[in-house]
């Protein structure tokens, strides 16, 4: 463990040029006293580390000193594929190896390219969860990730909307969608999608499976999500939107409904715009329309008009009562 930590310190110093003791302690997950001892040991071993004292002090390597210990381990190479998703790599148990891989990669770069790489890492960040939502951290995610990489079957107890089910799944890939993790797995030669947070129990079966050669995770996910959106929005509703409703429809509607909504070219006498939009069940459609408040009116179909009216009347009754203390 200590040898690995000393190598990490060396590659961090080589990659960044100047690092403080607290920064090294934080990245190596040890206390300051351990860092001081490690730096002394490296100096005694002949590594030219110079310390700068004071409030802004830290450590740096002698100019021109290079180490060849920059080869990536298998795990670090895997982690680099998640370098744009630091939080995702951490969720899967790859946070520390990703940091080590990035340090090794930086240390291997010429000085002219290293500055650009550091600027890229400091100026671009991907935040996967939607606004006002939190990223899931399912308990079984690290095991699922290992099973995907090692091509090992898993046995799961899964809470579906129909009830609890048990499945033996061949894990093909992981997808993060709006902060939620999904497993694409094969059951009876058919790809299926499982939300990892709904896995109640999981065990890895110590046997490998053959991954289907033509399977393309990105293509499967794109087609399956398109099919899901279409299946969930088989009906069409006609609505009127106020100018404010037209302005805010991107914020109130799901991305699919927003992209498929068709606005009329002309406004009515009140300045409102007629539009058609795909809708699913009455409950889902009603919830989507009610987000607009007074800035939307349903015209068709009649059953949706009745459902929205029913909800509005019940809301009016709730607010007509004296406030409970």
Foldseek 3Di string as FASTA:
>chain_A
DLVVLLVLVVLLQLLPFWDALVVSCVLSVHDSVVSVVSVVVVVVVPFAKDWDDDPPITIHGDPPDADPPLDQDPLLVVLCVCLQPLVVCVLLVSNSSVVSNVSSVSSPDDPVVSVVVVVVSVPDHDDAADPPDAADRAPCNNVLVVCQVQQWWKWFFFQDPVGTDIATWRWPDWDAHNRWIWTFTDGPNDTDIGGRNRTPDMDTDPDHDDDPVVDDVVVVVVVVVVVVVCQQFVDKWKKKFAPVCVVCLVVLDDPVFVVPKDWDPDADPVRIIIIMTTHGDLVRVLSSQCVRPPGMQTDDDPVSNVVNVVVVVVVVVVVVDPDDD
